[in-house]
Amino acid sequence: MAWKAMDVQEQRVRFVVAASRREKPLTLLCAEFGIWRPTGSLWIKRYDESGLAGISERRRRPHPRPHRHPGNGKSV
């Protein structure tokens, strides 16, 4: 099977559209898109809650820790 060049956003939109049609079981659909079932469920949940903005790429960097002192990195 040849790999197609497709960005993440496009893949997520196609997956969510296919899942909303319910033509195939979620497990089979996830296998076709090459994603884990929990990931597919998460994308569907986020889409249901927030639409296209919900399935957009999110930052992966950890959130800042508000209780850490910026000077020495130790907890206050």
PDB file of N, CA and C in Angstrom:
ATOM      1  N   MET A   1       0.844  -1.173   0.000  1.00  0.00           N
ATOM      2  CA  MET A   1       0.000   0.000   0.000  1.00  0.00           C
ATOM      3  C   MET A   1       0.887   1.234   0.000  1.00  0.00           C
ATOM      4  N   ALA A   2       0.670   2.126  -0.922  1.00  0.00           N
ATOM      5  CA  ALA A   2       1.459   3.358  -0.999  1.00  0.00           C
ATOM      6  C   ALA A   2       0.908   4.392  -0.021  1.00  0.00           C
ATOM      7  N   TRP A   3       1.823   5.118   0.602  1.00  0.00           N
ATOM      8  CA  TRP A   3       1.428   6.163   1.540  1.00  0.00           C
ATOM      9  C   TRP A   3       1.080   7.417   0.769  1.00  0.00           C
ATOM     10  N   LYS A   4       0.022   8.078   1.167  1.00  0.00           N
ATOM     11  CA  LYS A   4      -0.385   9.329   0.543  1.00  0.00           C
ATOM     12  C   LYS A   4       0.053  10.480   1.440  1.00  0.00           C
ATOM     13  N   ALA A   5       0.493  11.550   0.814  1.00  0.00           N
ATOM     14  CA  ALA A   5       0.847  12.740   1.573  1.00  0.00           C
ATOM     15  C   ALA A   5      -0.444  13.455   1.963  1.00  0.00           C
ATOM     16  N   MET A   6      -0.673  13.574   3.278  1.00  0.00           N
ATOM     17  CA  MET A   6      -1.890  14.202   3.764  1.00  0.00           C
ATOM     18  C   MET A   6      -1.559  14.854   5.102  1.00  0.00           C
ATOM     19  N   ASP A   7      -1.978  16.084   5.282  1.00  0.00           N
ATOM     20  CA  ASP A   7      -1.679  16.720   6.557  1.00  0.00           C
ATOM     21  C   ASP A   7      -2.611  16.183   7.638  1.00  0.00           C
ATOM     22  N   VAL A   8      -2.248  16.433   8.865  1.00  0.00           N
ATOM     23  CA  VAL A   8      -2.971  15.892  10.015  1.00  0.00           C
ATOM     24  C   VAL A   8      -4.407  16.394  10.042  1.00  0.00           C
ATOM     25  N   GLN A   9      -4.596  17.676   9.797  1.00  0.00           N
ATOM     26  CA  GLN A   9      -5.940  18.257   9.840  1.00  0.00           C
ATOM     27  C   GLN A   9      -6.850  17.590   8.817  1.00  0.00           C
ATOM     28  N   GLU A  10      -6.351  17.394   7.610  1.00  0.00           N
ATOM     29  CA  GLU A  10      -7.150  16.764   6.559  1.00  0.00           C
ATOM     30  C   GLU A  10      -7.513  15.329   6.944  1.00  0.00           C
ATOM     31  N   GLN A  11      -6.558  14.606   7.520  1.00  0.00           N
ATOM     32  CA  GLN A  11      -6.824  13.234   7.946  1.00  0.00           C
ATOM     33  C   GLN A  11      -7.914  13.205   9.015  1.00  0.00           C
ATOM     34  N   ARG A  12      -7.826  14.118   9.965  1.00  0.00           N
ATOM     35  CA  ARG A  12      -8.824  14.144  11.033  1.00  0.00           C
ATOM     36  C   ARG A  12     -10.212  14.480  10.508  1.00  0.00           C
ATOM     37  N   VAL A  13     -10.291  15.421   9.592  1.00  0.00           N
ATOM     38  CA  VAL A  13     -11.592  15.793   9.021  1.00  0.00           C
ATOM     39  C   VAL A  13     -12.186  14.613   8.265  1.00  0.00           C
ATOM     40  N   ARG A  14     -11.375  13.959   7.450  1.00  0.00           N
ATOM     41  CA  ARG A  14     -11.876  12.795   6.701  1.00  0.00           C
ATOM     42  C   ARG A  14     -12.326  11.681   7.637  1.00  0.00           C
ATOM     43  N   PHE A  15     -11.576  11.466   8.712  1.00  0.00           N
ATOM     44  CA  PHE A  15     -11.940  10.431   9.673  1.00  0.00           C
ATOM     45  C   PHE A  15     -13.277  10.755  10.333  1.00  0.00           C
ATOM     46  N   VAL A  16     -13.431  11.979  10.801  1.00  0.00           N
ATOM     47  CA  VAL A  16     -14.654  12.372  11.503  1.00  0.00           C
ATOM     48  C   VAL A  16     -15.864  12.298  10.578  1.00  0.00           C
ATOM     49  N   VAL A  17     -15.697  12.708   9.330  1.00  0.00           N
ATOM     50  CA  VAL A  17     -16.797  12.618   8.362  1.00  0.00           C
ATOM     51  C   VAL A  17     -17.170  11.155   8.139  1.00  0.00           C
ATOM     52  N   ALA A  18     -16.175  10.304   7.951  1.00  0.00           N
ATOM     53  CA  ALA A  18     -16.440   8.874   7.745  1.00  0.00           C
ATOM     54  C   ALA A  18     -17.096   8.258   8.977  1.00  0.00           C
ATOM     55  N   ALA A  19     -16.651   8.664  10.161  1.00  0.00           N
ATOM     56  CA  ALA A  19     -17.227   8.115  11.389  1.00  0.00           C
ATOM     57  C   ALA A  19     -18.670   8.579  11.576  1.00  0.00           C
ATOM     58  N   SER A  20     -18.956   9.812  11.184  1.00  0.00           N
ATOM     59  CA  SER A  20     -20.319  10.327  11.351  1.00  0.00           C
ATOM     60  C   SER A  20     -21.311   9.623  10.428  1.00  0.00           C
ATOM     61  N   ARG A  21     -20.832   9.091   9.314  1.00  0.00           N
ATOM     62  CA  ARG A  21     -21.698   8.347   8.398  1.00  0.00           C
ATOM     63  C   ARG A  21     -22.047   6.960   8.924  1.00  0.00           C
ATOM     64  N   ARG A  22     -21.221   6.439   9.827  1.00  0.00           N
ATOM     65  CA  ARG A  22     -21.433   5.135  10.468  1.00  0.00           C
ATOM     66  C   ARG A  22     -21.598   3.998   9.470  1.00  0.00           C
ATOM     67  N   GLU A  23     -20.841   4.084   8.382  1.00  0.00           N
ATOM     68  CA  GLU A  23     -20.909   3.025   7.377  1.00  0.00           C
ATOM     69  C   GLU A  23     -20.074   1.811   7.775  1.00  0.00           C
ATOM     70  N   LYS A  24     -19.065   2.038   8.621  1.00  0.00           N
ATOM     71  CA  LYS A  24     -18.185   0.965   9.066  1.00  0.00           C
ATOM     72  C   LYS A  24     -18.026   1.041  10.576  1.00  0.00           C
ATOM     73  N   PRO A  25     -17.698  -0.088  11.203  1.00  0.00           N
ATOM     74  CA  PRO A  25     -17.426  -0.055  12.636  1.00  0.00           C
ATOM     75  C   PRO A  25     -16.202   0.829  12.935  1.00  0.00           C
ATOM     76  N   LEU A  26     -16.200   1.450  14.098  1.00  0.00           N
ATOM     77  CA  LEU A  26     -15.128   2.363  14.469  1.00  0.00           C
ATOM     78  C   LEU A  26     -13.768   1.670  14.453  1.00  0.00           C
ATOM     79  N   THR A  27     -13.707   0.444  14.903  1.00  0.00           N
ATOM     80  CA  THR A  27     -12.445  -0.291  14.927  1.00  0.00           C
ATOM     81  C   THR A  27     -11.869  -0.449  13.515  1.00  0.00           C
ATOM     82  N   LEU A  28     -12.706  -0.801  12.575  1.00  0.00           N
ATOM     83  CA  LEU A  28     -12.266  -0.962  11.180  1.00  0.00           C
ATOM     84  C   LEU A  28     -11.848   0.380  10.580  1.00  0.00           C
ATOM     85  N   LEU A  29     -12.609   1.413  10.871  1.00  0.00           N
ATOM     86  CA  LEU A  29     -12.301   2.744  10.367  1.00  0.00           C
ATOM     87  C   LEU A  29     -10.964   3.245  10.910  1.00  0.00           C
ATOM     88  N   CYS A  30     -10.717   3.026  12.181  1.00  0.00           N
ATOM     89  CA  CYS A  30      -9.437   3.425  12.781  1.00  0.00           C
ATOM     90  C   CYS A  30      -8.280   2.668  12.132  1.00  0.00           C
ATOM     91  N   ALA A  31      -8.481   1.395  11.859  1.00  0.00           N
ATOM     92  CA  ALA A  31      -7.433   0.609  11.207  1.00  0.00           C
ATOM     93  C   ALA A  31      -7.136   1.147   9.808  1.00  0.00           C
ATOM     94  N   GLU A  32      -8.162   1.553   9.081  1.00  0.00           N
ATOM     95  CA  GLU A  32      -7.964   2.109   7.741  1.00  0.00           C
ATOM     96  C   GLU A  32      -7.178   3.424   7.779  1.00  0.00           C
ATOM     97  N   PHE A  33      -7.404   4.223   8.811  1.00  0.00           N
ATOM     98  CA  PHE A  33      -6.717   5.504   8.928  1.00  0.00           C
ATOM     99  C   PHE A  33      -5.385   5.376   9.655  1.00  0.00           C
ATOM    100  N   GLY A  34      -5.093   4.188  10.163  1.00  0.00           N
ATOM    101  CA  GLY A  34      -3.819   3.959  10.824  1.00  0.00           C
ATOM    102  C   GLY A  34      -3.700   4.648  12.174  1.00  0.00           C
ATOM    103  N   ILE A  35      -4.821   4.717  12.910  1.00  0.00           N
ATOM    104  CA  ILE A  35      -4.806   5.345  14.231  1.00  0.00           C
ATOM    105  C   ILE A  35      -5.344   4.359  15.260  1.00  0.00           C
ATOM    106  N   TRP A  36      -5.024   4.597  16.510  1.00  0.00           N
ATOM    107  CA  TRP A  36      -5.538   3.769  17.595  1.00  0.00           C
ATOM    108  C   TRP A  36      -7.003   4.099  17.811  1.00  0.00           C
ATOM    109  N   ARG A  37      -7.769   3.131  18.280  1.00  0.00           N
ATOM    110  CA  ARG A  37      -9.201   3.347  18.518  1.00  0.00           C
ATOM    111  C   ARG A  37      -9.439   4.457  19.546  1.00  0.00           C
ATOM    112  N   PRO A  38      -8.677   4.506  20.659  1.00  0.00           N
ATOM    113  CA  PRO A  38      -8.884   5.615  21.605  1.00  0.00           C
ATOM    114  C   PRO A  38      -8.645   6.993  20.970  1.00  0.00           C
ATOM    115  N   THR A  39      -7.700   7.052  20.038  1.00  0.00           N
ATOM    116  CA  THR A  39      -7.443   8.318  19.336  1.00  0.00           C
ATOM    117  C   THR A  39      -8.641   8.685  18.475  1.00  0.00           C
ATOM    118  N   GLY A  40      -9.194   7.718  17.772  1.00  0.00           N
ATOM    119  CA  GLY A  40     -10.384   7.964  16.954  1.00  0.00           C
ATOM    120  C   GLY A  40     -11.558   8.428  17.799  1.00  0.00           C
ATOM    121  N   SER A  41     -11.745   7.797  18.934  1.00  0.00           N
ATOM    122  CA  SER A  41     -12.831   8.195  19.833  1.00  0.00           C
ATOM    123  C   SER A  41     -12.615   9.615  20.351  1.00  0.00           C
ATOM    124  N   LEU A  42     -11.368   9.949  20.641  1.00  0.00           N
ATOM    125  CA  LEU A  42     -11.039  11.291  21.120  1.00  0.00           C
ATOM    126  C   LEU A  42     -11.334  12.337  20.050  1.00  0.00           C
ATOM    127  N   TRP A  43     -10.960  12.063  18.812  1.00  0.00           N
ATOM    128  CA  TRP A  43     -11.227  13.001  17.721  1.00  0.00           C
ATOM    129  C   TRP A  43     -12.730  13.213  17.542  1.00  0.00           C
ATOM    130  N   ILE A  44     -13.498  12.136  17.620  1.00  0.00           N
ATOM    131  CA  ILE A  44     -14.952  12.240  17.477  1.00  0.00           C
ATOM    132  C   ILE A  44     -15.537  13.067  18.617  1.00  0.00           C
ATOM    133  N   LYS A  45     -15.085  12.812  19.828  1.00  0.00           N
ATOM    134  CA  LYS A  45     -15.570  13.554  20.998  1.00  0.00           C
ATOM    135  C   LYS A  45     -15.250  15.037  20.863  1.00  0.00           C
ATOM    136  N   ARG A  46     -14.008  15.355  20.488  1.00  0.00           N
ATOM    137  CA  ARG A  46     -13.613  16.756  20.341  1.00  0.00           C
ATOM    138  C   ARG A  46     -14.392  17.439  19.228  1.00  0.00           C
ATOM    139  N   TYR A  47     -14.653  16.721  18.147  1.00  0.00           N
ATOM    140  CA  TYR A  47     -15.425  17.289  17.044  1.00  0.00           C
ATOM    141  C   TYR A  47     -16.863  17.566  17.482  1.00  0.00           C
ATOM    142  N   ASP A  48     -17.452  16.638  18.214  1.00  0.00           N
ATOM    143  CA  ASP A  48     -18.820  16.827  18.697  1.00  0.00           C
ATOM    144  C   ASP A  48     -18.917  18.037  19.630  1.00  0.00           C
ATOM    145  N   GLU A  49     -17.870  18.257  20.427  1.00  0.00           N
ATOM    146  CA  GLU A  49     -17.882  19.356  21.400  1.00  0.00           C
ATOM    147  C   GLU A  49     -17.561  20.708  20.773  1.00  0.00           C
ATOM    148  N   SER A  50     -16.607  20.743  19.824  1.00  0.00           N
ATOM    149  CA  SER A  50     -16.096  22.030  19.340  1.00  0.00           C
ATOM    150  C   SER A  50     -16.046  22.183  17.825  1.00  0.00           C
ATOM    151  N   GLY A  51     -16.526  21.229  17.084  1.00  0.00           N
ATOM    152  CA  GLY A  51     -16.477  21.332  15.628  1.00  0.00           C
ATOM    153  C   GLY A  51     -15.054  21.170  15.108  1.00  0.00           C
ATOM    154  N   LEU A  52     -14.753  21.824  13.994  1.00  0.00           N
ATOM    155  CA  LEU A  52     -13.425  21.695  13.387  1.00  0.00           C
ATOM    156  C   LEU A  52     -12.319  22.204  14.297  1.00  0.00           C
ATOM    157  N   ALA A  53     -12.602  23.209  15.099  1.00  0.00           N
ATOM    158  CA  ALA A  53     -11.584  23.727  16.025  1.00  0.00           C
ATOM    159  C   ALA A  53     -11.182  22.663  17.050  1.00  0.00           C
ATOM    160  N   GLY A  54     -12.084  21.758  17.366  1.00  0.00           N
ATOM    161  CA  GLY A  54     -11.805  20.723  18.348  1.00  0.00           C
ATOM    162  C   GLY A  54     -10.821  19.665  17.877  1.00  0.00           C
ATOM    163  N   ILE A  55     -10.722  19.474  16.560  1.00  0.00           N
ATOM    164  CA  ILE A  55      -9.818  18.445  16.054  1.00  0.00           C
ATOM    165  C   ILE A  55      -8.548  19.031  15.456  1.00  0.00           C
ATOM    166  N   SER A  56      -8.339  20.320  15.651  1.00  0.00           N
ATOM    167  CA  SER A  56      -7.113  20.930  15.139  1.00  0.00           C
ATOM    168  C   SER A  56      -5.919  20.500  15.986  1.00  0.00           C
ATOM    169  N   GLU A  57      -4.746  20.665  15.421  1.00  0.00           N
ATOM    170  CA  GLU A  57      -3.509  20.280  16.105  1.00  0.00           C
ATOM    171  C   GLU A  57      -3.356  21.117  17.376  1.00  0.00           C
ATOM    172  N   ARG A  58      -3.003  20.462  18.458  1.00  0.00           N
ATOM    173  CA  ARG A  58      -2.826  21.150  19.734  1.00  0.00           C
ATOM    174  C   ARG A  58      -1.359  21.195  20.104  1.00  0.00           C
ATOM    175  N   ARG A  59      -1.019  22.147  20.954  1.00  0.00           N
ATOM    176  CA  ARG A  59       0.375  22.248  21.367  1.00  0.00           C
ATOM    177  C   ARG A  59       0.752  21.037  22.204  1.00  0.00           C
ATOM    178  N   ARG A  60       1.966  20.611  22.098  1.00  0.00           N
ATOM    179  CA  ARG A  60       2.429  19.414  22.801  1.00  0.00           C
ATOM    180  C   ARG A  60       3.353  19.743  23.951  1.00  0.00           C
ATOM    181  N   ARG A  61       3.786  20.992  23.999  1.00  0.00           N
ATOM    182  CA  ARG A  61       4.675  21.403  25.071  1.00  0.00           C
ATOM    183  C   ARG A  61       3.902  21.430  26.383  1.00  0.00           C
ATOM    184  N   PRO A  62       4.503  21.003  27.466  1.00  0.00           N
ATOM    185  CA  PRO A  62       3.808  21.023  28.751  1.00  0.00           C
ATOM    186  C   PRO A  62       3.405  22.444  29.138  1.00  0.00           C
ATOM    187  N   HIS A  63       2.317  22.532  29.853  1.00  0.00           N
ATOM    188  CA  HIS A  63       1.862  23.828  30.337  1.00  0.00           C
ATOM    189  C   HIS A  63       2.821  24.328  31.417  1.00  0.00           C
ATOM    190  N   PRO A  64       2.977  25.645  31.537  1.00  0.00           N
ATOM    191  CA  PRO A  64       3.876  26.170  32.564  1.00  0.00           C
ATOM    192  C   PRO A  64       3.353  25.853  33.971  1.00  0.00           C
ATOM    193  N   ARG A  65       4.259  25.759  34.899  1.00  0.00           N
ATOM    194  CA  ARG A  65       3.885  25.474  36.279  1.00  0.00           C
ATOM    195  C   ARG A  65       3.808  26.787  37.043  1.00  0.00           C
ATOM    196  N   PRO A  66       2.629  27.206  37.444  1.00  0.00           N
ATOM    197  CA  PRO A  66       2.484  28.512  38.087  1.00  0.00           C
ATOM    198  C   PRO A  66       3.121  28.594  39.475  1.00  0.00           C
ATOM    199  N   HIS A  67       3.388  27.469  40.131  1.00  0.00           N
ATOM    200  CA  HIS A  67       3.932  27.491  41.489  1.00  0.00           C
ATOM    201  C   HIS A  67       5.439  27.398  41.530  1.00  0.00           C
ATOM    202  N   ARG A  68       6.075  27.501  40.391  1.00  0.00           N
ATOM    203  CA  ARG A  68       7.531  27.433  40.362  1.00  0.00           C
ATOM    204  C   ARG A  68       8.096  28.826  40.238  1.00  0.00           C
ATOM    205  N   HIS A  69       9.174  29.058  40.943  1.00  0.00           N
ATOM    206  CA  HIS A  69       9.833  30.345  40.915  1.00  0.00           C
ATOM    207  C   HIS A  69      10.654  30.421  39.633  1.00  0.00           C
ATOM    208  N   PRO A  70      10.511  31.495  38.837  1.00  0.00           N
ATOM    209  CA  PRO A  70      11.220  31.558  37.559  1.00  0.00           C
ATOM    210  C   PRO A  70      12.748  31.675  37.689  1.00  0.00           C
ATOM    211  N   GLY A  71      13.253  32.112  38.843  1.00  0.00           N
ATOM    212  CA  GLY A  71      14.685  32.327  38.986  1.00  0.00           C
ATOM    213  C   GLY A  71      15.483  31.057  39.174  1.00  0.00           C
ATOM    214  N   ASN A  72      15.069  30.186  40.084  1.00  0.00           N
ATOM    215  CA  ASN A  72      15.869  29.004  40.375  1.00  0.00           C
ATOM    216  C   ASN A  72      15.199  27.697  40.012  1.00  0.00           C
ATOM    217  N   GLY A  73      13.958  27.734  39.549  1.00  0.00           N
ATOM    218  CA  GLY A  73      13.287  26.512  39.119  1.00  0.00           C
ATOM    219  C   GLY A  73      12.793  25.631  40.242  1.00  0.00           C
ATOM    220  N   LYS A  74      12.906  26.093  41.496  1.00  0.00           N
ATOM    221  CA  LYS A  74      12.449  25.296  42.630  1.00  0.00           C
ATOM    222  C   LYS A  74      11.037  25.716  43.012  1.00  0.00           C
ATOM    223  N   SER A  75      10.310  24.799  43.621  1.00  0.00           N
ATOM    224  CA  SER A  75       8.954  25.109  44.078  1.00  0.00           C
ATOM    225  C   SER A  75       8.999  26.147  45.179  1.00  0.00           C
ATOM    226  N   VAL A  76       7.943  26.938  45.222  1.00  0.00           N
ATOM    227  CA  VAL A  76       7.841  27.982  46.244  1.00  0.00           C
ATOM    228  C   VAL A  76       7.169  27.428  47.461  1.00  0.00           C
TER     229      VAL A  76
END
